[in-house]
Amino acid sequence: MGLLDELKERSGSVCELCASDLSLEIYEVPPVSTGGLDGSILVCATCKNQIENADTMNANHWRCLNDSMWSEHEAVKVVAWRMLSRLKNEGWPKDLLDMMYLEDEVLNWAKATGEGLSDSEKIIHRDANGVILENGDNVVLIKDLKVKGSSMVAKQGTAVRRISLDRENAEYIEGKVDGQQIVIITKYVKKS
């Protein structure tokens, strides 16, 4: 059974956020999702579009979170928390956030993308050209880099796929080079 079928079975073939049964697809919950059943949810095209594009947000669509925030599945709760945090200036989402309880580990996962922070509190990662980097982006090294603790040299021009951002420091990202997870300084990469 494939992941889509497992998610449909878990959710009863409806969006795990708004309960729509139209245009369902898999959404891997960032930052760098483990994927699979525990790291993914089944969403409709409307929810996915609004999750990925904050400009298209329709606050009334998300009133459905009043139900889905109580899901037994952590990935659903994480996305519900993030959307409520994004909408908290509307008033009603703040009340739902106050009622919501997440274990520390799940709350850290929910906060990992910086959702819920004001713009002045967010740590912004930028590449060598000043372009903003996001979790899951692909970058290219613009300089040969020695990897601390090993004899490996990451060569200029090496593509690093699906990076993850360090939420504590705007200068650090992580990614795999030659199968090894390394920390990279943002001034030595450009977004591809």
Protein backbone atom coordinates (compact mmCIF):
# COMPACT_ATOMS: atom_id res chain seq x y z
CA MET A 1 0.00 0.00 0.00
CA GLY A 2 1.42 3.40 -1.00
CA LEU A 3 1.59 6.47 1.22
CA LEU A 4 -1.37 8.14 -0.52
CA ASP A 5 -3.51 5.07 0.14
CA GLU A 6 -2.38 4.91 3.78
CA LEU A 7 -3.24 8.60 4.29
CA LYS A 8 -6.64 8.12 2.63
CA GLU A 9 -7.34 5.18 4.92
CA ARG A 10 -6.24 7.17 8.01
CA SER A 11 -8.35 10.20 7.09
CA GLY A 12 -11.38 8.50 5.54
CA SER A 13 -10.43 9.98 2.13
CA VAL A 14 -10.93 13.61 3.20
CA CYS A 15 -8.56 16.52 3.80
CA GLU A 16 -7.18 16.16 7.32
CA LEU A 17 -7.55 19.92 7.85
CA CYS A 18 -10.88 20.98 6.28
CA ALA A 19 -12.57 17.61 5.52
CA SER A 20 -12.95 18.37 1.79
CA ASP A 21 -12.89 15.31 -0.47
CA LEU A 22 -11.75 17.21 -3.60
CA SER A 23 -8.24 17.19 -5.16
CA LEU A 24 -6.50 15.35 -2.32
CA GLU A 25 -2.72 15.10 -2.23
CA ILE A 26 0.17 14.35 0.12
CA TYR A 27 1.72 17.27 2.02
CA GLU A 28 5.06 16.57 3.71
CA VAL A 29 5.24 18.72 6.83
CA PRO A 30 8.44 20.83 6.83
CA PRO A 31 11.12 21.69 7.81
CA VAL A 32 12.81 18.55 6.51
CA SER A 33 10.10 16.00 6.90
CA THR A 34 10.84 12.39 7.60
CA GLY A 35 7.99 11.86 5.19
CA GLY A 36 6.04 8.68 5.52
CA LEU A 37 2.83 8.38 7.45
CA ASP A 38 4.06 10.24 10.55
CA GLY A 39 5.56 13.19 8.65
CA SER A 40 2.81 13.76 6.09
CA ILE A 41 -0.86 14.69 5.96
CA LEU A 42 -3.57 14.43 3.32
CA VAL A 43 -4.71 17.88 2.17
CA CYS A 44 -6.97 19.33 -0.48
CA ALA A 45 -5.58 21.70 -3.13
CA THR A 46 -7.17 24.72 -1.40
CA CYS A 47 -5.47 24.04 1.94
CA LYS A 48 -2.11 23.24 0.31
CA ASN A 49 -2.17 26.43 -1.76
CA GLN A 50 -2.91 28.58 1.30
CA ILE A 51 -0.29 26.78 3.43
CA GLU A 52 2.40 27.36 0.82
CA ASN A 53 1.30 30.87 -0.26
CA ALA A 54 0.48 33.14 2.67
CA ASP A 55 -0.73 35.79 0.21
CA THR A 56 -3.70 33.60 -0.75
CA MET A 57 -4.92 33.12 2.84
CA ASN A 58 -8.66 33.16 3.41
CA ALA A 59 -9.16 33.33 7.17
CA ASN A 60 -12.71 31.96 7.03
CA HIS A 61 -11.52 28.79 5.27
CA TRP A 62 -9.41 27.98 8.33
CA ARG A 63 -12.31 27.94 10.79
CA CYS A 64 -12.16 24.20 10.12
CA LEU A 65 -9.12 24.08 12.43
CA ASN A 66 -11.53 24.23 15.36
CA ASP A 67 -12.02 20.50 14.69
CA SER A 68 -8.76 19.36 13.10
CA MET A 69 -6.54 20.86 15.83
CA TRP A 70 -7.70 18.00 18.06
CA SER A 71 -6.44 15.32 15.64
CA GLU A 72 -4.60 12.37 17.17
CA HIS A 73 -1.90 12.73 14.48
CA GLU A 74 1.03 15.01 15.31
CA ALA A 75 1.62 16.19 11.73
CA VAL A 76 -1.99 17.45 11.53
CA LYS A 77 -1.64 19.27 14.87
CA VAL A 78 1.63 20.88 13.71
CA VAL A 79 0.02 22.31 10.55
CA ALA A 80 -3.06 23.42 12.51
CA TRP A 81 -0.83 25.25 15.03
CA ARG A 82 1.13 26.94 12.21
CA MET A 83 -2.01 28.13 10.41
CA LEU A 84 -3.60 29.41 13.61
CA SER A 85 -0.33 31.22 14.43
CA ARG A 86 -0.30 32.79 10.98
CA LEU A 87 -3.88 34.01 11.47
CA LYS A 88 -3.69 35.00 15.15
CA ASN A 89 -4.29 38.68 14.39
CA GLU A 90 -7.83 37.74 13.27
CA GLY A 91 -8.89 37.22 16.89
CA TRP A 92 -10.62 33.82 16.86
CA PRO A 93 -7.42 31.87 16.01
CA LYS A 94 -5.76 33.28 19.15
CA ASP A 95 -8.53 31.71 21.27
CA LEU A 96 -7.99 28.33 19.58
CA LEU A 97 -4.20 28.58 20.06
CA ASP A 98 -4.76 29.25 23.76
CA MET A 99 -6.81 26.02 24.01
CA MET A 100 -4.34 23.92 22.03
CA TYR A 101 -1.80 21.75 23.83
CA LEU A 102 1.25 20.23 22.13
CA GLU A 103 3.97 18.12 23.72
CA ASP A 104 7.34 19.96 23.76
CA GLU A 105 8.76 17.88 20.90
CA VAL A 106 5.69 18.50 18.71
CA LEU A 107 5.67 22.23 19.58
CA ASN A 108 9.35 22.47 18.57
CA TRP A 109 8.46 20.83 15.25
CA ALA A 110 5.61 23.33 14.79
CA LYS A 111 7.89 26.28 15.56
CA ALA A 112 10.75 25.00 13.36
CA THR A 113 9.64 27.04 10.32
CA GLY A 114 9.40 30.30 12.27
CA GLU A 115 5.62 30.41 11.97
CA GLY A 116 4.08 32.43 14.75
CA LEU A 117 7.02 34.84 15.09
CA SER A 118 6.68 38.46 14.11
CA ASP A 119 8.82 39.59 11.16
CA SER A 120 11.24 41.36 13.51
CA GLU A 121 11.80 38.12 15.48
CA LYS A 122 12.39 35.84 12.50
CA ILE A 123 15.89 34.80 11.56
CA ILE A 124 16.28 35.34 7.82
CA HIS A 125 18.79 33.18 5.93
CA ARG A 126 20.24 34.75 2.77
CA ASP A 127 22.61 33.35 0.18
CA ALA A 128 25.70 35.13 -1.18
CA ASN A 129 23.48 37.23 -3.48
CA GLY A 130 21.04 38.23 -0.72
CA VAL A 131 18.29 35.87 -1.89
CA ILE A 132 16.19 34.50 0.98
CA LEU A 133 16.65 30.78 1.64
CA GLU A 134 13.85 28.50 2.84
CA ASN A 135 13.82 24.96 4.22
CA GLY A 136 13.90 22.46 1.37
CA ASP A 137 15.62 24.82 -1.10
CA ASN A 138 18.46 23.66 -3.33
CA VAL A 139 21.74 25.58 -3.29
CA VAL A 140 25.10 25.44 -5.07
CA LEU A 141 28.46 25.96 -3.35
CA ILE A 142 30.33 28.99 -4.74
CA LYS A 143 33.65 28.11 -3.09
CA ASP A 144 35.61 24.95 -2.19
CA LEU A 145 34.89 24.25 1.49
CA LYS A 146 36.88 22.09 3.89
CA VAL A 147 34.58 20.02 6.06
CA LYS A 148 35.58 20.24 9.72
CA GLY A 149 36.36 16.92 11.34
CA SER A 150 37.05 15.15 8.05
CA SER A 151 39.46 15.21 5.14
CA MET A 152 36.61 15.91 2.74
CA VAL A 153 36.52 19.04 0.60
CA ALA A 154 33.13 20.10 -0.76
CA LYS A 155 33.93 21.42 -4.25
CA GLN A 156 32.70 24.64 -5.79
CA GLY A 157 29.65 23.95 -7.98
CA THR A 158 28.40 21.09 -5.80
CA ALA A 159 24.60 21.05 -5.56
CA VAL A 160 23.14 20.66 -2.07
CA ARG A 161 19.51 19.59 -2.21
CA ARG A 162 16.76 20.08 0.38
CA ILE A 163 18.68 22.21 2.85
CA SER A 164 17.48 22.81 6.39
CA LEU A 165 17.91 26.13 8.16
CA ASP A 166 19.49 26.67 11.57
CA ARG A 167 16.76 28.47 13.54
CA GLU A 168 19.33 29.92 15.97
CA ASN A 169 21.79 31.46 13.49
CA ALA A 170 21.07 33.13 10.14
CA GLU A 171 24.53 32.24 8.81
CA TYR A 172 24.18 28.45 9.06
CA ILE A 173 22.32 25.92 6.94
CA GLU A 174 22.63 22.15 6.80
CA GLY A 175 22.66 19.83 3.85
CA LYS A 176 24.09 16.61 2.50
CA VAL A 177 27.26 16.60 0.43
CA ASP A 178 28.48 13.21 -0.80
CA GLY A 179 26.07 11.52 1.60
CA GLN A 180 27.41 13.37 4.63
CA GLN A 181 25.28 15.89 6.55
CA ILE A 182 27.31 19.10 6.98
CA VAL A 183 26.85 22.64 8.25
CA ILE A 184 27.43 25.28 5.56
CA ILE A 185 27.85 29.03 5.96
CA THR A 186 25.27 30.89 3.86
CA LYS A 187 27.78 33.33 2.31
CA TYR A 188 29.31 30.39 0.43
CA VAL A 189 26.13 29.30 -1.37
CA LYS A 190 23.73 30.59 -3.96
CA LYS A 191 20.15 29.45 -4.41
CA SER A 192 19.64 27.31 -7.50
